[in-house]
Amino acid sequence: MAAERRRIRGAAVAAGRGLVLSVLSLAGSVTLFVLAVLSVTFVVLGIGLVTTPFVLEVVRKHAGQRRLYAATWAGVRIPVPYRPFPPDLRSGFTGQVERTLLILKDPATWRDLQWLLADMTAGCVVSLLAFGLMVYPVEGFVLAAGLWRVFEDSTYWYAFVPVSSQLTGLAAAALGVVLLGLGTRAAQPLLRAHFLLARVFLAPTQEQELALRVHRLTETRHEAVDTAAAELRRIERDLHDGAQARLVAMGMNLGTIEALVEKDPAQAKKMLAMARESSAEALAELRDLVRGIHPPVLAERGLGDAVKALALRLPVRSEVAVELAGRTEAPVESAAYFAVSEALTNAVKHAGADRLWVDVHHAEGMLRISVTDNGRGGAVIGSGSGLSGIERRLGTFDGVLAVSSPAGGPTMVTMEIPCELS
């Protein structure tokens, strides 16, 4: 009974969303299609050079809104296919012309216009059907309840049922029951079908996806090189200021000890103790440095145990679930480990969480890691944030980062890296 109520409630929500989508399809898509066609046509007159970038930007926002609804309402992911604008785009009228040409040369622009056509026709019909199958039965019930008397001297057609008496009114109610049963089962699939139709046009083609992937990998490779260079400079600085300085001081102390060993044995003994302490501190610093480069537990025990070791060192309660049937390549393990480490640090330092959950598993050629906390929420991926660093680190291996963090929490950071287990 509870499952039936949930199904009816879900169908009612889907029907309401179908109405929203049909309004957006009719009012939004029709208007934007007309404006876009007129603007592109007026490019030859010069007017379109000013209006086209603005109009097509609105079209892209309209499509972006539909992508958001697809993900949140039906779990349908529609990737963004647009080519990025070059950073050295000029300003003024010349820049406006360049911008217009770049937008018009982007295949995704013309696919957006095709989607507007499909959305205002088939997309609108599908979404209206999701709404109509839940609302139209109400008319049958109202007819059976007494509205049929209005049509007593004439015939009113409810679907294929002619209504003119109580008996035919009851027949309309029976048909309404059938349609309502159909609606409760079909509303959500119809809503999903609307978004699947949109994905046909809004998602990148295989060629576009390959081009975008190459562009993204090129960017992440550059970032990886820059990160590696910065890491080398950090290691050099840590060695120079830390262990190297201690070793130099220890060498000087040993030279002094050598001169004092016969003249002042007590002082030499005291300096030997200092040298021993310096050597222990230098060794500890070297171990910390090595752990920062590649933790020994990661090399020896693998990603699962390394993440568990990370969680044990946290000042809050944590639960770690690991399902890995083997090990990934060392670079992927290292990237995943430091990404989890950064996510955990963010949760403790910025989210004010007192409970953490980490899930690590591998399925369908993808390493998936989620870090969830019960903190205050509001985390976003932005320039300079720790999440941006995680995104860049994962991007080196064609991985992706997704963050769900509503105000008030909880926050879930999900990481995916394509890889195989050995």
Protein backbone atom coordinates (compact mmCIF):
# COMPACT_ATOMS: atom_id res chain seq x y z
CA MET A 1 0.00 0.00 0.00
CA ALA A 2 2.83 2.37 0.88
CA ALA A 3 4.58 1.48 -2.39
CA GLU A 4 1.36 2.23 -4.30
CA ARG A 5 1.04 5.63 -2.61
CA ARG A 6 4.66 6.43 -3.46
CA ARG A 7 4.03 5.46 -7.08
CA ILE A 8 0.94 7.67 -7.31
CA ARG A 9 2.79 10.55 -5.63
CA GLY A 10 5.72 10.14 -8.04
CA ALA A 11 3.34 10.08 -11.01
CA ALA A 12 1.61 13.25 -9.77
CA VAL A 13 4.98 15.00 -9.45
CA ALA A 14 5.96 13.81 -12.94
CA ALA A 15 2.65 15.15 -14.29
CA GLY A 16 3.32 18.57 -12.77
CA ARG A 17 6.80 18.58 -14.23
CA GLY A 18 5.35 17.55 -17.58
CA LEU A 19 3.14 20.64 -17.49
CA VAL A 20 6.16 22.85 -16.70
CA LEU A 21 8.13 21.31 -19.57
CA SER A 22 5.26 21.72 -22.04
CA VAL A 23 4.99 25.42 -21.15
CA LEU A 24 8.76 25.82 -21.55
CA SER A 25 8.61 23.97 -24.88
CA LEU A 26 5.79 26.10 -26.26
CA ALA A 27 6.66 29.50 -24.82
CA GLY A 28 10.45 29.19 -24.61
CA SER A 29 11.51 26.97 -27.50
CA VAL A 30 9.12 28.49 -30.05
CA THR A 31 10.13 32.06 -29.17
CA LEU A 32 13.85 31.31 -29.13
CA PHE A 33 13.71 29.37 -32.41
CA VAL A 34 12.03 32.29 -34.18
CA LEU A 35 14.47 34.82 -32.69
CA ALA A 36 17.50 32.66 -33.49
CA VAL A 37 16.46 32.09 -37.13
CA LEU A 38 15.75 35.81 -37.64
CA SER A 39 19.01 36.83 -35.98
CA VAL A 40 21.13 34.42 -38.04
CA THR A 41 19.31 35.56 -41.21
CA PHE A 42 20.08 39.22 -40.41
CA VAL A 43 23.83 38.48 -40.11
CA VAL A 44 24.17 39.30 -43.82
CA LEU A 45 22.64 42.74 -43.10
CA GLY A 46 25.03 43.37 -40.21
CA ILE A 47 22.29 43.53 -37.55
CA GLY A 48 22.75 39.85 -36.75
CA LEU A 49 26.40 40.42 -35.84
CA VAL A 50 25.15 42.27 -32.76
CA THR A 51 22.12 40.15 -31.90
CA THR A 52 23.26 36.61 -32.77
CA PRO A 53 25.74 36.05 -29.90
CA PHE A 54 23.19 37.32 -27.38
CA VAL A 55 20.27 35.28 -28.77
CA LEU A 56 22.30 32.08 -29.10
CA GLU A 57 23.66 32.58 -25.59
CA VAL A 58 20.05 32.64 -24.34
CA VAL A 59 19.39 29.47 -26.37
CA ARG A 60 22.35 27.80 -24.66
CA LYS A 61 21.06 28.86 -21.24
CA HIS A 62 17.65 27.46 -22.17
CA ALA A 63 19.31 24.18 -23.17
CA GLY A 64 21.42 24.25 -20.01
CA GLN A 65 18.27 24.58 -17.91
CA ARG A 66 16.84 21.52 -19.65
CA ARG A 67 20.07 19.62 -18.94
CA LEU A 68 19.68 20.51 -15.26
CA TYR A 69 16.06 19.31 -15.22
CA ALA A 70 17.09 16.11 -17.02
CA ALA A 71 19.66 15.30 -14.34
CA THR A 72 17.57 16.26 -11.31
CA TRP A 73 14.12 15.08 -12.48
CA ALA A 74 14.95 11.93 -14.45
CA GLY A 75 18.60 11.07 -13.80
CA VAL A 76 19.47 11.64 -17.48
CA ARG A 77 22.94 13.15 -17.92
CA ILE A 78 23.37 15.36 -20.99
CA PRO A 79 26.99 16.53 -21.45
CA VAL A 80 27.71 20.07 -22.64
CA PRO A 81 29.18 20.03 -26.20
CA TYR A 82 30.05 23.69 -26.78
CA ARG A 83 33.50 24.71 -27.95
CA PRO A 84 35.21 27.13 -25.54
CA PHE A 85 36.02 30.63 -26.76
CA PRO A 86 39.73 31.43 -27.12
CA PRO A 87 41.12 33.52 -24.23
CA ASP A 88 42.60 36.13 -26.58
CA LEU A 89 39.25 37.12 -28.14
CA ARG A 90 39.38 40.78 -29.13
CA SER A 91 36.97 43.42 -27.86
CA GLY A 92 34.89 45.91 -29.81
CA PHE A 93 33.17 45.32 -33.14
CA THR A 94 35.97 43.07 -34.45
CA GLY A 95 35.65 40.86 -31.40
CA GLN A 96 31.88 40.77 -31.86
CA VAL A 97 32.32 39.55 -35.45
CA GLU A 98 34.79 36.89 -34.29
CA ARG A 99 32.44 35.80 -31.53
CA THR A 100 29.53 35.50 -33.98
CA LEU A 101 31.61 33.46 -36.43
CA LEU A 102 32.88 31.15 -33.69
CA ILE A 103 29.34 30.50 -32.45
CA LEU A 104 28.04 29.84 -35.97
CA LYS A 105 30.96 27.50 -36.75
CA ASP A 106 30.25 25.43 -33.65
CA PRO A 107 28.21 22.34 -34.70
CA ALA A 108 26.54 22.36 -31.28
CA THR A 109 24.81 25.65 -32.19
CA TRP A 110 22.96 24.06 -35.11
CA ARG A 111 22.10 21.00 -33.01
CA ASP A 112 20.58 23.38 -30.44
CA LEU A 113 18.33 24.82 -33.16
CA GLN A 114 17.33 21.29 -34.21
CA TRP A 115 16.51 20.55 -30.57
CA LEU A 116 14.30 23.65 -30.35
CA LEU A 117 12.29 22.29 -33.31
CA ALA A 118 12.02 18.83 -31.75
CA ASP A 119 11.23 20.30 -28.33
CA MET A 120 8.36 22.48 -29.53
CA THR A 121 6.78 19.49 -31.33
CA ALA A 122 7.54 15.96 -30.13
CA GLY A 123 9.02 17.10 -26.82
CA CYS A 124 5.94 19.18 -26.02
CA VAL A 125 3.58 16.33 -26.94
CA VAL A 126 5.40 13.81 -24.74
CA SER A 127 5.49 16.10 -21.72
CA LEU A 128 1.83 17.09 -22.21
CA LEU A 129 0.94 13.41 -22.39
CA ALA A 130 2.57 12.84 -19.00
CA PHE A 131 0.39 15.64 -17.62
CA GLY A 132 -2.80 14.78 -19.51
CA LEU A 133 -2.93 11.12 -18.51
CA MET A 134 -3.06 12.19 -14.86
CA VAL A 135 -5.51 15.11 -15.29
CA TYR A 136 -7.89 13.94 -18.03
CA PRO A 137 -9.42 11.16 -15.86
CA VAL A 138 -10.73 13.85 -13.47
CA GLU A 139 -13.13 14.97 -16.20
CA GLY A 140 -14.58 11.45 -16.41
CA PHE A 141 -15.19 11.38 -12.66
CA VAL A 142 -16.84 14.82 -12.75
CA LEU A 143 -19.11 13.72 -15.60
CA ALA A 144 -20.19 10.65 -13.64
CA ALA A 145 -20.77 12.78 -10.52
CA GLY A 146 -23.47 14.82 -12.28
CA LEU A 147 -21.94 17.01 -14.96
CA TRP A 148 -23.54 14.70 -17.54
CA ARG A 149 -26.86 16.50 -16.83
CA VAL A 150 -25.54 19.58 -18.62
CA PHE A 151 -25.36 17.48 -21.80
CA GLU A 152 -28.65 15.60 -21.24
CA ASP A 153 -30.21 17.10 -24.36
CA SER A 154 -27.07 16.67 -26.44
CA THR A 155 -24.05 14.40 -26.64
CA TYR A 156 -20.67 15.17 -25.11
CA TRP A 157 -17.75 13.01 -26.12
CA TYR A 158 -15.34 11.96 -23.40
CA ALA A 159 -12.56 10.36 -25.48
CA PHE A 160 -14.61 7.78 -27.46
CA VAL A 161 -17.48 7.59 -24.91
CA PRO A 162 -20.64 9.62 -25.79
CA VAL A 163 -21.97 11.07 -22.52
CA SER A 164 -25.66 11.95 -22.25
CA SER A 165 -26.97 9.95 -19.26
CA GLN A 166 -25.94 8.58 -15.87
CA LEU A 167 -25.04 5.23 -17.43
CA THR A 168 -22.75 6.80 -20.03
CA GLY A 169 -21.38 9.06 -17.27
CA LEU A 170 -20.41 5.93 -15.33
CA ALA A 171 -18.80 4.57 -18.50
CA ALA A 172 -16.77 7.79 -18.71
CA ALA A 173 -15.72 7.30 -15.06
CA ALA A 174 -14.68 3.71 -15.83
CA LEU A 175 -12.58 4.95 -18.73
CA GLY A 176 -11.14 7.60 -16.40
CA VAL A 177 -10.06 4.88 -13.97
CA VAL A 178 -8.30 3.04 -16.78
CA LEU A 179 -6.58 6.22 -17.96
CA LEU A 180 -5.56 7.11 -14.39
CA GLY A 181 -4.04 3.66 -13.93
CA LEU A 182 -2.19 4.09 -17.21
CA GLY A 183 -1.08 7.59 -16.18
CA THR A 184 0.36 6.49 -12.83
CA ARG A 185 2.50 3.96 -14.67
CA ALA A 186 3.40 6.03 -17.72
CA ALA A 187 3.95 9.56 -16.34
CA GLN A 188 7.52 9.05 -15.15
CA PRO A 189 8.62 7.01 -18.23
CA LEU A 190 7.11 9.72 -20.45
CA LEU A 191 9.01 12.41 -18.53
CA ARG A 192 12.20 10.41 -19.01
CA ALA A 193 11.39 9.95 -22.71
CA HIS A 194 11.16 13.75 -23.05
CA PHE A 195 14.71 14.11 -21.71
CA LEU A 196 16.04 11.20 -23.75
CA LEU A 197 14.70 12.94 -26.85
CA ALA A 198 16.50 16.13 -25.77
CA ARG A 199 19.72 14.17 -25.26
CA VAL A 200 19.64 13.04 -28.89
CA PHE A 201 20.18 16.68 -29.94
CA LEU A 202 21.84 18.34 -26.94
CA ALA A 203 24.50 15.74 -26.18
CA PRO A 204 27.74 15.93 -28.18
CA THR A 205 28.13 13.63 -31.16
CA GLN A 206 30.88 11.02 -31.04
CA GLU A 207 33.08 13.34 -33.10
CA GLN A 208 32.39 16.32 -30.83
CA GLU A 209 32.93 14.23 -27.73
CA LEU A 210 36.29 13.07 -29.04
CA ALA A 211 37.32 16.66 -29.87
CA LEU A 212 36.23 17.89 -26.42
CA ARG A 213 38.04 15.02 -24.76
CA VAL A 214 41.23 15.78 -26.66
CA HIS A 215 40.94 19.46 -25.68
CA ARG A 216 40.30 18.56 -22.05
CA LEU A 217 43.15 16.07 -21.93
CA THR A 218 45.49 18.64 -23.48
CA GLU A 219 44.55 21.13 -20.78
CA THR A 220 44.91 18.59 -17.98
CA ARG A 221 48.28 17.42 -19.31
CA HIS A 222 49.54 21.01 -19.23
CA GLU A 223 48.20 21.35 -15.69
CA ALA A 224 49.84 18.05 -14.75
CA VAL A 225 53.20 19.27 -16.05
CA ASP A 226 52.82 22.54 -14.14
CA THR A 227 51.77 20.66 -11.00
CA ALA A 228 54.71 18.28 -11.30
CA ALA A 229 57.12 21.21 -11.68
CA ALA A 230 55.61 22.93 -8.64
CA GLU A 231 55.86 19.69 -6.67
CA LEU A 232 59.53 19.31 -7.60
CA ARG A 233 60.19 22.88 -6.44
CA ARG A 234 58.39 22.14 -3.16
CA ILE A 235 60.45 18.99 -2.59
CA GLU A 236 63.65 20.89 -3.39
CA ARG A 237 62.68 23.68 -0.99
CA ASP A 238 61.71 21.22 1.77
CA LEU A 239 64.99 19.36 1.37
CA HIS A 240 67.02 22.56 1.31
CA ASP A 241 65.33 24.17 4.31
CA GLY A 242 64.79 21.00 6.31
CA ALA A 243 66.77 17.79 6.11
CA GLN A 244 69.69 19.30 4.15
CA ALA A 245 70.15 22.11 6.68
CA ARG A 246 70.09 19.61 9.55
CA LEU A 247 72.59 17.33 7.82
CA VAL A 248 74.95 20.27 7.14
CA ALA A 249 74.71 21.35 10.79
CA MET A 250 75.31 17.77 11.89
CA GLY A 251 78.42 17.56 9.68
CA MET A 252 79.79 20.76 11.25
CA ASN A 253 79.05 19.39 14.73
CA LEU A 254 80.89 16.18 13.91
CA GLY A 255 83.90 18.24 12.79
CA THR A 256 83.83 20.09 16.13
CA ILE A 257 83.46 16.80 17.99
CA GLU A 258 86.49 15.42 16.17
CA ALA A 259 88.54 18.38 17.43
CA LEU A 260 87.18 18.10 21.00
CA VAL A 261 87.21 14.34 21.46
CA GLU A 262 90.71 14.41 23.07
CA LYS A 263 90.74 17.91 24.59
CA ASP A 264 87.23 17.96 26.13
CA PRO A 265 85.57 14.49 26.05
CA ALA A 266 82.57 15.66 28.13
CA GLN A 267 81.73 18.45 25.67
CA ALA A 268 82.29 16.06 22.75
CA LYS A 269 79.90 13.58 24.33
CA LYS A 270 77.28 16.32 24.77
CA MET A 271 77.63 17.35 21.11
CA LEU A 272 77.37 13.72 20.00
CA ALA A 273 73.98 13.53 21.73
CA MET A 274 72.92 16.68 19.86
CA ALA A 275 74.11 15.18 16.57
CA ARG A 276 72.08 12.03 17.28
CA GLU A 277 68.97 14.13 17.86
CA SER A 278 69.61 16.10 14.66
CA SER A 279 70.00 12.87 12.67
CA ALA A 280 66.70 11.54 14.11
CA GLU A 281 64.91 14.78 13.21
CA ALA A 282 66.39 14.76 9.70
CA LEU A 283 65.26 11.16 9.24
CA ALA A 284 61.73 12.04 10.43
CA GLU A 285 61.58 14.97 7.98
CA LEU A 286 62.75 12.74 5.13
CA ARG A 287 60.08 10.18 6.01
CA ASP A 288 57.40 12.88 6.04
CA LEU A 289 58.66 14.13 2.70
CA VAL A 290 58.56 10.63 1.20
CA ARG A 291 55.08 10.09 2.65
CA GLY A 292 53.94 13.28 0.92
CA ILE A 293 55.33 12.05 -2.40
CA HIS A 294 54.06 8.46 -2.20
CA PRO A 295 52.87 7.09 1.13
CA PRO A 296 54.49 3.75 2.04
CA VAL A 297 51.13 2.25 3.05
CA LEU A 298 49.81 3.03 -0.45
CA ALA A 299 52.75 1.29 -2.11
CA GLU A 300 52.64 -1.71 0.21
CA ARG A 301 48.94 -2.26 0.93
CA GLY A 302 47.06 -0.55 -1.89
CA LEU A 303 44.40 2.15 -2.12
CA GLY A 304 41.82 0.59 0.19
CA ASP A 305 44.12 0.21 3.20
CA ALA A 306 45.73 3.60 2.51
CA VAL A 307 42.31 5.31 2.63
CA LYS A 308 41.49 3.44 5.86
CA ALA A 309 44.80 4.67 7.32
CA LEU A 310 43.84 8.23 6.30
CA ALA A 311 40.48 7.89 8.05
CA LEU A 312 42.10 6.57 11.24
CA ARG A 313 44.15 9.76 11.56
CA LEU A 314 41.06 12.01 11.35
CA PRO A 315 39.79 13.75 14.50
CA VAL A 316 36.16 12.77 13.68
CA ARG A 317 34.24 9.50 13.43
CA SER A 318 34.56 7.89 10.03
CA GLU A 319 33.40 4.78 8.19
CA VAL A 320 35.23 3.37 5.18
CA ALA A 321 33.77 0.77 2.81
CA VAL A 322 36.13 -0.72 0.21
CA GLU A 323 35.26 -3.16 -2.57
CA LEU A 324 38.30 -3.63 -4.79
CA ALA A 325 39.13 -6.96 -6.38
CA GLY A 326 42.65 -5.85 -7.31
CA ARG A 327 44.91 -2.84 -7.65
CA THR A 328 45.01 -0.05 -10.20
CA GLU A 329 48.14 1.39 -11.77
CA ALA A 330 50.38 3.29 -9.33
CA PRO A 331 49.75 6.78 -10.84
CA VAL A 332 45.95 6.27 -10.62
CA GLU A 333 46.26 4.98 -7.04
CA SER A 334 48.33 7.99 -6.09
CA ALA A 335 45.89 10.46 -7.69
CA ALA A 336 42.91 8.79 -6.02
CA TYR A 337 44.66 8.69 -2.63
CA PHE A 338 45.58 12.38 -2.60
CA ALA A 339 42.13 13.32 -3.96
CA VAL A 340 40.48 11.47 -1.05
CA SER A 341 42.98 13.04 1.36
CA GLU A 342 42.08 16.54 0.12
CA ALA A 343 38.34 15.80 0.29
CA LEU A 344 38.64 14.52 3.87
CA THR A 345 40.74 17.52 4.88
CA ASN A 346 38.15 19.89 3.40
CA ALA A 347 35.34 18.12 5.25
CA VAL A 348 37.11 18.38 8.62
CA LYS A 349 38.52 21.88 8.14
CA HIS A 350 35.75 23.75 6.32
CA ALA A 351 32.50 21.78 6.62
CA GLY A 352 32.47 21.47 10.43
CA ALA A 353 31.55 17.79 10.07
CA ASP A 354 31.68 15.32 12.94
CA ARG A 355 30.92 12.22 10.86
CA LEU A 356 32.39 11.01 7.56
CA TRP A 357 31.65 8.14 5.21
CA VAL A 358 34.00 6.96 2.46
CA ASP A 359 33.01 4.42 -0.19
CA VAL A 360 35.59 3.00 -2.62
CA HIS A 361 34.62 0.48 -5.27
CA HIS A 362 35.32 -0.50 -8.87
CA ALA A 363 32.63 -1.33 -11.41
CA GLU A 364 32.25 -1.27 -15.19
CA GLY A 365 35.85 -0.16 -15.77
CA MET A 366 35.48 2.81 -13.40
CA LEU A 367 37.01 3.49 -10.00
CA ARG A 368 34.31 5.29 -8.01
CA ILE A 369 34.96 7.01 -4.70
CA SER A 370 32.47 9.01 -2.66
CA VAL A 371 33.25 11.07 0.43
CA THR A 372 30.17 12.14 2.41
CA ASP A 373 30.05 14.36 5.49
CA ASN A 374 27.29 15.70 7.73
CA GLY A 375 28.68 19.24 7.79
CA ARG A 376 27.10 22.57 6.95
CA GLY A 377 27.15 22.10 3.16
CA GLY A 378 27.50 24.87 0.58
CA ALA A 379 30.68 23.47 -1.02
CA VAL A 380 31.27 24.53 -4.63
CA ILE A 381 33.97 23.90 -7.19
CA GLY A 382 35.67 27.24 -7.75
CA SER A 383 39.03 28.70 -8.60
CA GLY A 384 41.45 28.41 -5.74
CA SER A 385 39.39 25.87 -3.78
CA GLY A 386 40.59 22.44 -2.76
CA LEU A 387 37.85 20.90 -4.91
CA SER A 388 39.32 22.58 -8.00
CA GLY A 389 42.65 20.96 -7.19
CA ILE A 390 40.95 17.57 -6.94
CA GLU A 391 39.21 18.15 -10.28
CA ARG A 392 42.53 19.00 -11.96
CA ARG A 393 44.23 15.97 -10.39
CA LEU A 394 41.49 13.63 -11.63
CA GLY A 395 41.36 15.32 -15.03
CA THR A 396 44.91 14.14 -15.71
CA PHE A 397 43.50 10.61 -15.90
CA ASP A 398 40.27 11.61 -17.69
CA GLY A 399 38.45 11.40 -14.37
CA VAL A 400 35.52 13.54 -13.24
CA LEU A 401 34.41 15.16 -9.99
CA ALA A 402 30.81 15.80 -8.93
CA VAL A 403 29.75 17.69 -5.81
CA SER A 404 26.33 17.67 -4.16
CA SER A 405 26.29 20.12 -1.26
CA PRO A 406 22.99 21.83 -0.44
CA ALA A 407 22.99 24.48 2.26
CA GLY A 408 22.80 22.74 5.62
CA GLY A 409 24.39 19.58 4.25
CA PRO A 410 25.08 16.80 3.77
CA THR A 411 27.92 17.10 1.26
CA MET A 412 28.80 14.27 -1.11
CA VAL A 413 31.95 14.47 -3.22
CA THR A 414 31.97 11.79 -5.93
CA MET A 415 35.08 10.94 -7.95
CA GLU A 416 35.31 8.66 -10.98
CA ILE A 417 38.47 7.54 -12.78
CA PRO A 418 38.36 5.15 -15.76
CA CYS A 419 40.84 2.33 -15.08
CA GLU A 420 41.22 -1.42 -14.86
CA LEU A 421 42.22 -3.52 -11.86
CA SER A 422 45.20 -5.85 -12.06
